[in-house]
Amino acid sequence: MSKLTTARTLFLAAIVLLVGGTKSLATAGQDDVKKGEQVYAAQKCQQCHSIAGKGKKQNPLDGVGKKLSTDEIKQWIVDPVAMAKKAESKKKPPMQNKYSKLPAADIDALVAYMASLK
């Protein structure tokens, strides 16, 4: 096999992997969002927050994905006391500091779901 044929084959293989990988990442992202929505429901987050008018109206999360980075969203979930202090939030009652004990995959999925709310 000539060097040109080998290079062309490797180039085509890389393109196939990139295109296939991109599709897999998009699907994985949608799976995380869906799982995050399930975690939101299972943790009864709607008792304190609302999305699309469902839940407690005083603490809407609509558009949170435009307002906060994924890191900030995660920090609100795992360390709400520090984030409330940083944001100078006076909301009562403050967000409970219990969600950091969730499995890492659930936290990541919840972050993906919140980030999707634009």
N, C-alpha and C. Protein backbone atom coordinates (compact mmCIF):
# COMPACT_ATOMS: atom_id res chain seq x y z
N MET A 1 0.86 -1.16 0.00
CA MET A 1 0.00 0.00 0.00
C MET A 1 0.91 1.23 0.00
N SER A 2 0.61 2.19 -0.85
CA SER A 2 1.45 3.39 -0.94
C SER A 2 1.18 4.31 0.26
N LYS A 3 2.12 5.23 0.47
CA LYS A 3 1.95 6.19 1.58
C LYS A 3 0.71 7.04 1.38
N LEU A 4 0.42 7.41 0.14
CA LEU A 4 -0.75 8.24 -0.16
C LEU A 4 -2.04 7.47 0.15
N THR A 5 -2.10 6.20 -0.21
CA THR A 5 -3.28 5.39 0.06
C THR A 5 -3.46 5.20 1.57
N THR A 6 -2.36 4.97 2.28
CA THR A 6 -2.43 4.80 3.73
C THR A 6 -2.91 6.10 4.39
N ALA A 7 -2.38 7.22 3.97
CA ALA A 7 -2.78 8.51 4.54
C ALA A 7 -4.25 8.78 4.25
N ARG A 8 -4.68 8.49 3.03
CA ARG A 8 -6.08 8.71 2.66
C ARG A 8 -6.99 7.81 3.49
N THR A 9 -6.61 6.57 3.69
CA THR A 9 -7.41 5.64 4.49
C THR A 9 -7.51 6.12 5.93
N LEU A 10 -6.40 6.56 6.50
CA LEU A 10 -6.42 7.06 7.87
C LEU A 10 -7.28 8.31 7.98
N PHE A 11 -7.19 9.20 6.99
CA PHE A 11 -7.99 10.42 6.98
C PHE A 11 -9.48 10.08 6.95
N LEU A 12 -9.87 9.16 6.07
CA LEU A 12 -11.28 8.76 5.97
C LEU A 12 -11.76 8.09 7.26
N ALA A 13 -10.89 7.28 7.85
CA ALA A 13 -11.26 6.62 9.11
C ALA A 13 -11.48 7.66 10.21
N ALA A 14 -10.63 8.68 10.24
CA ALA A 14 -10.79 9.74 11.24
C ALA A 14 -12.10 10.49 11.05
N ILE A 15 -12.47 10.76 9.81
CA ILE A 15 -13.73 11.45 9.54
C ILE A 15 -14.91 10.59 10.01
N VAL A 16 -14.88 9.32 9.70
CA VAL A 16 -15.95 8.41 10.11
C VAL A 16 -16.07 8.40 11.63
N LEU A 17 -14.95 8.34 12.33
CA LEU A 17 -14.97 8.33 13.80
C LEU A 17 -15.51 9.65 14.34
N LEU A 18 -15.10 10.76 13.74
CA LEU A 18 -15.58 12.06 14.20
C LEU A 18 -17.07 12.21 14.01
N VAL A 19 -17.56 11.86 12.84
CA VAL A 19 -18.99 11.97 12.57
C VAL A 19 -19.78 11.04 13.47
N GLY A 20 -19.34 9.82 13.60
CA GLY A 20 -20.01 8.86 14.49
C GLY A 20 -19.93 9.29 15.93
N GLY A 21 -18.77 9.81 16.36
CA GLY A 21 -18.58 10.27 17.73
C GLY A 21 -19.46 11.45 18.06
N THR A 22 -19.63 12.36 17.12
CA THR A 22 -20.48 13.53 17.34
C THR A 22 -21.91 13.11 17.56
N LYS A 23 -22.37 12.19 16.76
CA LYS A 23 -23.74 11.71 16.92
C LYS A 23 -23.91 11.05 18.28
N SER A 24 -22.93 10.27 18.70
CA SER A 24 -23.00 9.61 20.00
C SER A 24 -23.00 10.62 21.13
N LEU A 25 -22.20 11.68 21.00
CA LEU A 25 -22.18 12.72 22.04
C LEU A 25 -23.52 13.42 22.15
N ALA A 26 -24.14 13.70 21.00
CA ALA A 26 -25.45 14.36 21.02
C ALA A 26 -26.48 13.47 21.70
N THR A 27 -26.46 12.19 21.36
CA THR A 27 -27.39 11.24 21.97
C THR A 27 -27.12 11.12 23.47
N ALA A 28 -25.85 11.06 23.84
CA ALA A 28 -25.50 10.97 25.26
C ALA A 28 -25.98 12.22 26.00
N GLY A 29 -25.83 13.38 25.38
CA GLY A 29 -26.29 14.62 25.99
C GLY A 29 -27.78 14.61 26.23
N GLN A 30 -28.54 14.13 25.25
CA GLN A 30 -30.00 14.05 25.40
C GLN A 30 -30.37 13.04 26.48
N ASP A 31 -29.63 11.95 26.56
CA ASP A 31 -29.88 10.96 27.62
C ASP A 31 -29.64 11.57 29.00
N ASP A 32 -28.58 12.39 29.13
CA ASP A 32 -28.29 13.05 30.41
C ASP A 32 -29.41 14.01 30.78
N VAL A 33 -29.90 14.77 29.80
CA VAL A 33 -30.98 15.73 30.06
C VAL A 33 -32.22 14.98 30.54
N LYS A 34 -32.54 13.89 29.86
CA LYS A 34 -33.72 13.08 30.23
C LYS A 34 -33.55 12.51 31.64
N LYS A 35 -32.36 11.98 31.93
CA LYS A 35 -32.10 11.42 33.27
C LYS A 35 -32.16 12.54 34.31
N GLY A 36 -31.65 13.71 33.97
CA GLY A 36 -31.68 14.84 34.89
C GLY A 36 -33.10 15.27 35.22
N GLU A 37 -33.97 15.20 34.23
CA GLU A 37 -35.38 15.52 34.45
C GLU A 37 -36.00 14.51 35.43
N GLN A 38 -35.58 13.25 35.31
CA GLN A 38 -36.07 12.21 36.22
C GLN A 38 -35.53 12.43 37.64
N VAL A 39 -34.26 12.84 37.75
CA VAL A 39 -33.67 13.12 39.06
C VAL A 39 -34.40 14.31 39.69
N TYR A 40 -34.68 15.35 38.91
CA TYR A 40 -35.42 16.53 39.38
C TYR A 40 -36.75 16.09 39.98
N ALA A 41 -37.46 15.22 39.28
CA ALA A 41 -38.77 14.74 39.77
C ALA A 41 -38.59 13.86 41.01
N ALA A 42 -37.63 12.95 40.98
CA ALA A 42 -37.42 12.03 42.09
C ALA A 42 -37.00 12.75 43.37
N GLN A 43 -36.24 13.83 43.23
CA GLN A 43 -35.79 14.59 44.40
C GLN A 43 -36.82 15.63 44.85
N LYS A 44 -37.95 15.66 44.13
CA LYS A 44 -39.07 16.58 44.45
C LYS A 44 -38.63 18.05 44.45
N CYS A 45 -37.78 18.39 43.48
CA CYS A 45 -37.28 19.76 43.37
C CYS A 45 -38.42 20.76 43.11
N GLN A 46 -39.51 20.27 42.52
CA GLN A 46 -40.65 21.14 42.22
C GLN A 46 -41.35 21.65 43.48
N GLN A 47 -41.05 21.10 44.63
CA GLN A 47 -41.62 21.62 45.88
C GLN A 47 -41.08 23.01 46.19
N CYS A 48 -39.88 23.31 45.68
CA CYS A 48 -39.28 24.63 45.92
C CYS A 48 -39.06 25.43 44.63
N HIS A 49 -39.03 24.74 43.50
CA HIS A 49 -38.75 25.38 42.22
C HIS A 49 -39.85 25.07 41.22
N SER A 50 -39.91 25.90 40.17
CA SER A 50 -40.85 25.62 39.08
C SER A 50 -40.11 25.64 37.75
N ILE A 51 -40.65 24.88 36.81
CA ILE A 51 -40.20 24.88 35.42
C ILE A 51 -41.45 24.88 34.57
N ALA A 52 -41.52 25.81 33.65
CA ALA A 52 -42.67 25.94 32.74
C ALA A 52 -43.99 26.03 33.52
N GLY A 53 -43.96 26.73 34.64
CA GLY A 53 -45.17 26.94 35.42
C GLY A 53 -45.56 25.80 36.33
N LYS A 54 -44.79 24.72 36.35
CA LYS A 54 -45.11 23.57 37.20
C LYS A 54 -44.19 23.57 38.41
N GLY A 55 -44.79 23.67 39.59
CA GLY A 55 -44.02 23.68 40.82
C GLY A 55 -44.23 24.99 41.56
N LYS A 56 -43.36 25.25 42.53
CA LYS A 56 -43.47 26.47 43.34
C LYS A 56 -43.03 27.67 42.52
N LYS A 57 -43.93 28.58 42.31
CA LYS A 57 -43.73 29.69 41.39
C LYS A 57 -42.71 30.72 41.87
N GLN A 58 -42.41 30.78 43.18
CA GLN A 58 -41.49 31.78 43.70
C GLN A 58 -40.03 31.54 43.28
N ASN A 59 -39.70 30.33 42.89
CA ASN A 59 -38.32 29.99 42.55
C ASN A 59 -38.23 29.32 41.18
N PRO A 60 -38.57 30.05 40.12
CA PRO A 60 -38.54 29.44 38.79
C PRO A 60 -37.12 29.15 38.31
N LEU A 61 -36.98 28.07 37.58
CA LEU A 61 -35.69 27.70 37.00
C LEU A 61 -35.67 27.90 35.48
N ASP A 62 -36.77 28.41 34.92
CA ASP A 62 -36.81 28.67 33.49
C ASP A 62 -35.66 29.61 33.12
N GLY A 63 -34.92 29.27 32.10
CA GLY A 63 -33.83 30.11 31.62
C GLY A 63 -32.55 30.03 32.42
N VAL A 64 -32.48 29.13 33.39
CA VAL A 64 -31.28 29.04 34.23
C VAL A 64 -30.05 28.67 33.39
N GLY A 65 -30.25 27.93 32.31
CA GLY A 65 -29.14 27.54 31.44
C GLY A 65 -28.52 28.71 30.71
N LYS A 66 -29.27 29.81 30.56
CA LYS A 66 -28.73 31.03 29.95
C LYS A 66 -28.05 31.90 30.99
N LYS A 67 -28.50 31.82 32.23
CA LYS A 67 -28.02 32.71 33.28
C LYS A 67 -26.76 32.20 33.98
N LEU A 68 -26.64 30.89 34.11
CA LEU A 68 -25.53 30.30 34.87
C LEU A 68 -24.73 29.33 34.01
N SER A 69 -23.45 29.23 34.30
CA SER A 69 -22.61 28.23 33.64
C SER A 69 -22.93 26.86 34.24
N THR A 70 -22.48 25.81 33.59
CA THR A 70 -22.71 24.47 34.14
C THR A 70 -22.00 24.32 35.49
N ASP A 71 -20.83 24.94 35.64
CA ASP A 71 -20.12 24.87 36.92
C ASP A 71 -20.91 25.57 38.02
N GLU A 72 -21.50 26.72 37.70
CA GLU A 72 -22.31 27.44 38.70
C GLU A 72 -23.56 26.63 39.07
N ILE A 73 -24.18 26.02 38.08
CA ILE A 73 -25.36 25.18 38.36
C ILE A 73 -24.96 24.05 39.30
N LYS A 74 -23.85 23.41 38.99
CA LYS A 74 -23.39 22.30 39.83
C LYS A 74 -23.10 22.77 41.25
N GLN A 75 -22.49 23.93 41.38
CA GLN A 75 -22.19 24.45 42.71
C GLN A 75 -23.46 24.75 43.50
N TRP A 76 -24.51 25.24 42.83
CA TRP A 76 -25.79 25.45 43.51
C TRP A 76 -26.35 24.13 44.04
N ILE A 77 -26.11 23.05 43.31
CA ILE A 77 -26.63 21.74 43.73
C ILE A 77 -25.80 21.17 44.88
N VAL A 78 -24.48 21.21 44.76
CA VAL A 78 -23.63 20.53 45.75
C VAL A 78 -23.24 21.40 46.94
N ASP A 79 -23.29 22.72 46.79
CA ASP A 79 -22.94 23.60 47.91
C ASP A 79 -23.80 24.86 47.88
N PRO A 80 -25.11 24.69 48.09
CA PRO A 80 -26.02 25.83 47.98
C PRO A 80 -25.76 26.92 49.02
N VAL A 81 -25.21 26.54 50.17
CA VAL A 81 -24.93 27.54 51.22
C VAL A 81 -23.88 28.53 50.71
N ALA A 82 -22.79 28.01 50.16
CA ALA A 82 -21.73 28.87 49.64
C ALA A 82 -22.23 29.70 48.46
N MET A 83 -23.03 29.10 47.58
CA MET A 83 -23.53 29.83 46.41
C MET A 83 -24.52 30.90 46.83
N ALA A 84 -25.35 30.63 47.82
CA ALA A 84 -26.30 31.64 48.29
C ALA A 84 -25.54 32.83 48.88
N LYS A 85 -24.48 32.53 49.60
CA LYS A 85 -23.65 33.60 50.17
C LYS A 85 -22.99 34.40 49.05
N LYS A 86 -22.44 33.70 48.06
CA LYS A 86 -21.78 34.35 46.93
C LYS A 86 -22.77 35.23 46.15
N ALA A 87 -23.99 34.73 45.97
CA ALA A 87 -25.02 35.46 45.22
C ALA A 87 -25.77 36.47 46.09
N GLU A 88 -25.43 36.49 47.36
CA GLU A 88 -26.12 37.36 48.33
C GLU A 88 -27.63 37.12 48.31
N SER A 89 -28.00 35.85 48.22
CA SER A 89 -29.40 35.45 48.20
C SER A 89 -30.01 35.54 49.59
N LYS A 90 -31.18 36.12 49.65
CA LYS A 90 -31.90 36.26 50.92
C LYS A 90 -33.16 35.39 50.94
N LYS A 91 -33.28 34.48 49.98
CA LYS A 91 -34.49 33.65 49.89
C LYS A 91 -34.62 32.77 51.12
N LYS A 92 -35.85 32.66 51.58
CA LYS A 92 -36.17 31.85 52.75
C LYS A 92 -37.23 30.83 52.35
N PRO A 93 -37.10 29.60 52.72
CA PRO A 93 -35.92 29.02 53.35
C PRO A 93 -34.81 28.86 52.32
N PRO A 94 -33.56 28.84 52.76
CA PRO A 94 -32.46 28.63 51.82
C PRO A 94 -32.50 27.20 51.27
N MET A 95 -31.86 27.01 50.12
CA MET A 95 -31.82 25.68 49.52
C MET A 95 -31.12 24.71 50.46
N GLN A 96 -31.69 23.52 50.58
CA GLN A 96 -31.12 22.51 51.47
C GLN A 96 -29.77 22.03 50.97
N ASN A 97 -28.90 21.74 51.90
CA ASN A 97 -27.55 21.28 51.56
C ASN A 97 -27.49 19.76 51.69
N LYS A 98 -28.25 19.07 50.85
CA LYS A 98 -28.28 17.60 50.94
C LYS A 98 -28.03 16.91 49.60
N TYR A 99 -27.97 17.66 48.54
CA TYR A 99 -27.89 17.05 47.22
C TYR A 99 -26.48 16.65 46.82
N SER A 100 -25.48 17.08 47.56
CA SER A 100 -24.11 16.68 47.26
C SER A 100 -23.90 15.19 47.50
N LYS A 101 -24.84 14.58 48.24
CA LYS A 101 -24.75 13.15 48.53
C LYS A 101 -25.31 12.28 47.41
N LEU A 102 -25.91 12.91 46.40
CA LEU A 102 -26.42 12.15 45.26
C LEU A 102 -25.25 11.52 44.51
N PRO A 103 -25.49 10.41 43.81
CA PRO A 103 -24.43 9.83 42.98
C PRO A 103 -23.95 10.86 41.94
N ALA A 104 -22.66 10.83 41.63
CA ALA A 104 -22.07 11.79 40.70
C ALA A 104 -22.82 11.80 39.36
N ALA A 105 -23.24 10.63 38.88
CA ALA A 105 -23.95 10.57 37.60
C ALA A 105 -25.29 11.30 37.68
N ASP A 106 -25.96 11.23 38.83
CA ASP A 106 -27.23 11.95 39.01
C ASP A 106 -26.99 13.46 39.04
N ILE A 107 -25.94 13.87 39.72
CA ILE A 107 -25.61 15.31 39.77
C ILE A 107 -25.30 15.81 38.37
N ASP A 108 -24.49 15.07 37.63
CA ASP A 108 -24.14 15.48 36.26
C ASP A 108 -25.38 15.55 35.38
N ALA A 109 -26.28 14.59 35.53
CA ALA A 109 -27.51 14.58 34.75
C ALA A 109 -28.40 15.77 35.13
N LEU A 110 -28.49 16.06 36.40
CA LEU A 110 -29.28 17.20 36.86
C LEU A 110 -28.71 18.51 36.33
N VAL A 111 -27.39 18.62 36.32
CA VAL A 111 -26.74 19.80 35.75
C VAL A 111 -27.06 19.90 34.25
N ALA A 112 -27.00 18.78 33.54
CA ALA A 112 -27.31 18.79 32.11
C ALA A 112 -28.75 19.24 31.87
N TYR A 113 -29.66 18.79 32.69
CA TYR A 113 -31.06 19.18 32.57
C TYR A 113 -31.23 20.67 32.84
N MET A 114 -30.63 21.16 33.91
CA MET A 114 -30.75 22.59 34.24
C MET A 114 -30.11 23.44 33.13
N ALA A 115 -28.98 23.01 32.62
CA ALA A 115 -28.29 23.75 31.57
C ALA A 115 -29.11 23.78 30.27
N SER A 116 -29.99 22.80 30.09
CA SER A 116 -30.81 22.75 28.88
C SER A 116 -31.99 23.73 28.95
N LEU A 117 -32.24 24.27 30.12
CA LEU A 117 -33.38 25.19 30.31
C LEU A 117 -32.96 26.60 29.89
N LYS A 118 -33.17 26.88 28.61
CA LYS A 118 -32.71 28.18 28.06
C LYS A 118 -33.87 29.01 27.59
